[in-house]
Amino acid sequence: MAVPTFDELFNPLLKALNNLGGSASIPEQEIEVAKILNLSEKDASEIHRGNRTKLSYRLAWSRNYLKRYGIIDNSRRGIWSLTPKGLKTKQVNKEDVKRSVHALSRKNKIEKGNYEQIEFEDTLDAWEDELLEIIRGISSDAFERLCQRVLRESGFIQVEITGRSGDGGIDGKGVVRIGGLLSFHVLFQCKRYKGSVSSSTVRDFRGALVGRADKGLIITTGTFTRDARLEAQRDGATPIDLIDGEELVEKLKELEIGVEVKEKIVQEILIQKDYFEKI
């Protein structure tokens, strides 16, 4: 079946969050909703615009409507969870949700002195898409250095670029320390292109890292197919973490790498194009 409209995704999203224990990351939600709706790999991976699939785009609007409705919320780390009201709600009437949210929006616009922003995730599309196009335009060496910087700023140590032909797509290695006690050796792959990374790419990468590292990491400016995400966490196999283009630009924003965040009543995102020209 084709991806439903955003309002038809309200109840599948609620069911997905319940199935996942009341909270979930966005990729977990997308996989679970696709499973609930029995979406084909083709439908689940269909691109809406730029780097975002139709499923991702429409679920973004669903999340924001349900958040305004008071039954889900999100943390600063991007984890979405059911609120106390949401835990008691198994299904919603989509027309009731839309009427409630639209009425709240009108009220906020009318009340003087109320500067609350009505946030919808799609408002970030413009700067995200612009930044992704800039990154896709830099050289492969520059992209590898950018990934190296992101990992270092995220707490990795001994991060090296080692990419060479015939090495199974491995571009670099690093060590991540947990609580100052445990260390995990990680091999990573950098894929700078549009489109979706397939499950076969994940399998090939895993084959190259077996016996050489504790975990793998693939960073792309594109997206990952549903099967690729499932393959990355397949039981009994070396785990591989995935960072898609949307997560990458959010990480650049969070770490302020090539991105300046100006705090105003409404957050303003300024891309520092010269940074990417000098990597």
Protein backbone atom coordinates (compact mmCIF):
# COMPACT_ATOMS: atom_id res chain seq x y z
CA MET A 1 0.00 0.00 0.00
CA ALA A 2 1.08 3.61 -0.52
CA VAL A 3 2.15 5.77 2.43
CA PRO A 4 -1.01 7.19 4.10
CA THR A 5 -1.58 10.90 4.66
CA PHE A 6 -0.19 12.46 7.84
CA ASP A 7 -3.55 12.36 9.65
CA GLU A 8 -4.10 8.72 8.71
CA LEU A 9 -0.77 8.02 10.42
CA PHE A 10 -1.94 9.27 13.84
CA ASN A 11 -3.14 5.89 15.06
CA PRO A 12 -0.37 3.76 13.49
CA LEU A 13 2.13 6.08 15.18
CA LEU A 14 0.38 5.69 18.53
CA LYS A 15 0.36 1.93 18.11
CA ALA A 16 4.04 1.95 17.18
CA LEU A 17 4.99 3.89 20.30
CA ASN A 18 2.96 1.49 22.43
CA ASN A 19 4.61 -1.50 20.75
CA LEU A 20 8.04 0.01 21.43
CA GLY A 21 7.42 0.47 25.14
CA GLY A 22 6.09 4.02 25.13
CA SER A 23 9.12 5.75 23.63
CA ALA A 24 11.23 5.51 20.50
CA SER A 25 13.67 7.29 18.23
CA ILE A 26 12.46 8.48 14.83
CA PRO A 27 14.11 5.61 12.89
CA GLU A 28 12.52 3.10 15.29
CA GLN A 29 9.13 4.70 14.73
CA GLU A 30 9.49 4.58 10.96
CA ILE A 31 10.43 0.90 10.96
CA GLU A 32 7.57 -0.02 13.32
CA VAL A 33 4.96 2.03 11.45
CA ALA A 34 6.04 0.49 8.15
CA LYS A 35 5.69 -2.93 9.76
CA ILE A 36 2.22 -2.13 11.15
CA LEU A 37 1.04 -0.86 7.75
CA ASN A 38 2.79 -3.67 5.88
CA LEU A 39 4.48 -1.15 3.60
CA SER A 40 6.70 -2.52 0.86
CA GLU A 41 10.36 -1.54 0.79
CA LYS A 42 9.62 0.56 -2.30
CA ASP A 43 6.81 2.50 -0.61
CA ALA A 44 8.71 2.98 2.66
CA SER A 45 11.74 4.34 0.77
CA GLU A 46 9.90 6.63 -1.67
CA ILE A 47 11.43 10.11 -1.59
CA HIS A 48 9.20 13.10 -0.86
CA ARG A 49 11.72 15.85 -1.45
CA GLY A 50 15.43 16.27 -1.05
CA ASN A 51 16.67 13.80 1.53
CA ARG A 52 13.36 12.91 3.18
CA THR A 53 11.09 9.98 2.39
CA LYS A 54 7.33 10.40 2.21
CA LEU A 55 7.00 8.23 5.31
CA SER A 56 9.47 10.36 7.25
CA TYR A 57 7.89 13.61 6.08
CA ARG A 58 4.31 12.61 6.91
CA LEU A 59 5.26 11.09 10.27
CA ALA A 60 6.99 14.38 11.13
CA TRP A 61 3.67 16.20 10.72
CA SER A 62 1.84 13.47 12.62
CA ARG A 63 4.23 13.79 15.55
CA ASN A 64 3.79 17.52 15.73
CA TYR A 65 0.01 17.33 15.61
CA LEU A 66 -0.05 14.66 18.32
CA LYS A 67 2.38 16.72 20.37
CA ARG A 68 0.13 19.77 20.13
CA TYR A 69 -2.77 17.51 21.03
CA GLY A 70 -0.91 16.57 24.23
CA ILE A 71 -0.43 12.82 23.84
CA ILE A 72 3.23 12.62 22.81
CA ASP A 73 6.32 14.69 23.58
CA ASN A 74 10.01 14.71 22.69
CA SER A 75 13.25 15.16 24.59
CA ARG A 76 16.22 17.29 23.55
CA ARG A 77 17.90 14.07 22.42
CA GLY A 78 15.19 13.42 19.87
CA ILE A 79 13.40 10.60 21.66
CA TRP A 80 9.61 10.71 21.43
CA SER A 81 7.40 9.29 24.16
CA LEU A 82 3.79 8.99 25.19
CA THR A 83 2.61 11.52 27.77
CA PRO A 84 0.44 10.42 30.73
CA LYS A 85 -2.57 11.33 28.57
CA GLY A 86 -1.07 9.41 25.67
CA LEU A 87 -0.58 6.29 27.77
CA LYS A 88 -4.34 6.25 28.31
CA THR A 89 -5.11 6.87 24.63
CA LYS A 90 -5.20 3.87 22.32
CA GLN A 91 -6.83 5.61 19.37
CA VAL A 92 -7.69 9.14 18.31
CA ASN A 93 -10.23 10.63 15.93
CA LYS A 94 -8.14 12.37 13.29
CA GLU A 95 -10.70 15.13 12.74
CA ASP A 96 -10.81 15.90 16.48
CA VAL A 97 -7.01 16.14 16.56
CA LYS A 98 -6.86 18.51 13.60
CA ARG A 99 -9.67 20.72 14.91
CA SER A 100 -7.99 20.97 18.31
CA VAL A 101 -4.55 21.83 16.89
CA HIS A 102 -5.92 24.37 14.41
CA ALA A 103 -7.97 26.04 17.13
CA LEU A 104 -4.88 26.25 19.36
CA SER A 105 -2.89 27.78 16.51
CA ARG A 106 -5.54 30.45 15.92
CA LYS A 107 -5.67 31.23 19.63
CA ASN A 108 -1.91 31.70 19.86
CA LYS A 109 -1.87 34.02 16.87
CA ILE A 110 -4.67 36.16 18.26
CA GLU A 111 -3.40 36.56 21.81
CA LYS A 112 -1.12 39.59 22.14
CA GLY A 113 2.25 38.99 23.73
CA ASN A 114 2.14 35.25 23.08
CA TYR A 115 5.20 34.44 20.96
CA GLU A 116 4.97 30.68 21.24
CA GLN A 117 6.20 29.15 18.00
CA ILE A 118 4.00 26.53 16.39
CA GLU A 119 6.78 24.12 15.50
CA PHE A 120 6.44 21.69 12.64
CA GLU A 121 9.48 19.66 11.72
CA ASP A 122 9.18 20.58 8.06
CA THR A 123 10.16 24.17 8.91
CA LEU A 124 13.72 22.85 9.12
CA ASP A 125 13.68 21.45 5.59
CA ALA A 126 15.04 24.60 3.93
CA TRP A 127 18.27 24.85 5.91
CA GLU A 128 18.69 21.06 6.12
CA ASP A 129 18.37 20.65 2.35
CA GLU A 130 20.71 23.58 1.70
CA LEU A 131 23.36 22.19 4.03
CA LEU A 132 23.08 18.69 2.57
CA GLU A 133 23.58 20.07 -0.95
CA ILE A 134 26.68 21.92 0.23
CA ILE A 135 28.10 18.77 1.82
CA ARG A 136 27.36 16.68 -1.27
CA GLY A 137 29.33 19.24 -3.27
CA ILE A 138 32.56 18.92 -1.30
CA SER A 139 35.23 16.38 -2.19
CA SER A 140 35.18 12.85 -0.78
CA ASP A 141 38.35 13.62 1.20
CA ALA A 142 36.71 16.70 2.70
CA PHE A 143 33.64 14.69 3.63
CA GLU A 144 35.80 12.12 5.39
CA ARG A 145 37.50 14.91 7.35
CA LEU A 146 34.09 16.33 8.23
CA CYS A 147 32.98 12.92 9.56
CA GLN A 148 36.24 12.67 11.49
CA ARG A 149 35.57 16.05 13.12
CA VAL A 150 31.99 15.07 14.00
CA LEU A 151 33.19 11.87 15.69
CA ARG A 152 35.91 13.70 17.63
CA GLU A 153 33.48 16.36 18.81
CA SER A 154 31.08 13.55 19.82
CA GLY A 155 33.63 11.99 22.17
CA PHE A 156 35.55 9.54 19.98
CA ILE A 157 39.31 9.30 20.43
CA GLN A 158 42.08 8.07 18.11
CA VAL A 159 39.94 8.88 15.07
CA GLU A 160 41.89 8.16 11.89
CA ILE A 161 41.02 8.24 8.20
CA THR A 162 42.35 5.00 6.72
CA GLY A 163 40.35 4.67 3.50
CA ARG A 164 42.11 2.82 0.74
CA SER A 165 40.94 0.72 -2.18
CA GLY A 166 40.22 -2.91 -1.52
CA ASP A 167 39.44 -2.38 2.16
CA GLY A 168 35.76 -3.28 2.01
CA GLY A 169 34.56 0.31 2.10
CA ILE A 170 36.20 1.11 5.44
CA ASP A 171 37.12 4.79 5.53
CA GLY A 172 38.32 5.21 9.09
CA LYS A 173 38.54 3.96 12.64
CA GLY A 174 38.14 5.33 16.14
CA VAL A 175 37.58 4.44 19.76
CA VAL A 176 34.59 5.46 21.84
CA ARG A 177 34.83 5.34 25.63
CA ILE A 178 31.84 4.76 27.87
CA GLY A 179 31.98 6.26 31.35
CA GLY A 180 35.75 6.33 31.23
CA LEU A 181 35.82 2.58 31.80
CA LEU A 182 34.82 0.69 28.67
CA SER A 183 36.25 1.17 25.20
CA PHE A 184 34.79 0.06 21.88
CA HIS A 185 36.72 0.01 18.64
CA VAL A 186 34.64 1.33 15.75
CA LEU A 187 35.23 1.23 12.00
CA PHE A 188 33.30 3.74 9.93
CA GLN A 189 32.27 4.29 6.34
CA CYS A 190 31.44 7.67 4.77
CA LYS A 191 28.98 7.72 1.87
CA ARG A 192 28.50 11.14 0.24
CA TYR A 193 25.64 10.87 -2.21
CA LYS A 194 21.92 11.21 -2.79
CA GLY A 195 19.66 8.21 -2.59
CA SER A 196 19.31 5.32 -0.17
CA VAL A 197 21.93 2.99 1.23
CA SER A 198 20.77 -0.60 0.72
CA SER A 199 20.94 -3.64 2.97
CA SER A 200 23.59 -5.18 0.70
CA THR A 201 25.91 -2.24 1.45
CA VAL A 202 25.43 -2.84 5.17
CA ARG A 203 26.15 -6.56 4.76
CA ASP A 204 29.30 -5.92 2.72
CA PHE A 205 30.56 -3.42 5.27
CA ARG A 206 29.91 -5.87 8.11
CA GLY A 207 31.88 -8.53 6.28
CA ALA A 208 34.86 -6.17 6.11
CA LEU A 209 34.83 -5.33 9.82
CA VAL A 210 34.32 -8.82 11.31
CA GLY A 211 37.22 -9.58 13.65
CA ARG A 212 38.58 -6.02 13.34
CA ALA A 213 36.21 -3.94 15.47
CA ASP A 214 33.45 -4.12 18.07
CA LYS A 215 31.02 -2.00 16.06
CA GLY A 216 30.56 -0.37 12.70
CA LEU A 217 29.21 3.05 11.72
CA ILE A 218 27.96 4.25 8.35
CA ILE A 219 27.50 7.99 7.80
CA THR A 220 25.71 9.15 4.67
CA THR A 221 24.27 12.33 3.20
CA GLY A 222 21.45 10.17 1.83
CA THR A 223 19.01 7.84 3.56
CA PHE A 224 18.85 4.18 4.55
CA THR A 225 16.26 1.76 3.29
CA ARG A 226 14.09 0.01 5.85
CA ASP A 227 15.86 -3.28 5.11
CA ALA A 228 19.23 -1.60 5.62
CA ARG A 229 18.18 -0.44 9.10
CA LEU A 230 16.93 -3.91 9.96
CA GLU A 231 20.11 -5.52 8.64
CA ALA A 232 22.25 -3.11 10.68
CA GLN A 233 20.77 -4.44 13.93
CA ARG A 234 20.26 -8.07 12.92
CA ASP A 235 20.43 -10.47 15.86
CA GLY A 236 23.68 -12.36 16.15
CA ALA A 237 25.60 -10.07 13.78
CA THR A 238 28.13 -7.35 14.54
CA PRO A 239 26.00 -4.23 15.21
CA ILE A 240 26.28 -1.30 12.84
CA ASP A 241 25.02 2.18 13.68
CA LEU A 242 23.59 4.36 10.93
CA ILE A 243 23.62 8.15 10.56
CA ASP A 244 21.58 9.48 7.63
CA GLY A 245 21.70 12.93 6.09
CA GLU A 246 19.00 14.37 8.30
CA GLU A 247 20.72 13.13 11.46
CA LEU A 248 24.09 14.35 10.17
CA VAL A 249 22.99 17.96 9.66
CA GLU A 250 21.23 17.94 13.04
CA LYS A 251 24.51 16.76 14.58
CA LEU A 252 26.40 19.54 12.79
CA LYS A 253 23.88 22.01 14.20
CA GLU A 254 24.17 20.53 17.71
CA LEU A 255 27.99 20.63 17.63
CA GLU A 256 28.01 23.97 15.73
CA ILE A 257 30.36 22.62 13.07
CA GLY A 258 29.97 24.86 10.05
CA VAL A 259 26.62 25.98 11.45
CA GLU A 260 25.87 29.01 13.61
CA VAL A 261 22.75 28.96 15.76
CA LYS A 262 21.43 32.39 16.66
CA GLU A 263 19.02 32.25 19.57
CA LYS A 264 16.03 34.47 18.99
CA ILE A 265 12.34 34.15 19.79
CA VAL A 266 12.43 31.90 16.73
CA GLN A 267 15.67 30.00 16.25
CA GLU A 268 17.66 31.18 13.23
CA ILE A 269 20.02 28.77 11.50
CA LEU A 270 22.94 30.28 9.53
CA ILE A 271 25.10 28.00 7.40
CA GLN A 272 28.79 28.94 7.27
CA LYS A 273 29.52 28.01 3.65
CA ASP A 274 33.18 28.99 3.89
CA TYR A 275 33.77 26.28 6.50
CA PHE A 276 32.96 23.51 4.02
CA GLU A 277 35.13 25.13 1.32
CA LYS A 278 38.18 24.99 3.61
CA ILE A 279 37.88 21.46 5.07
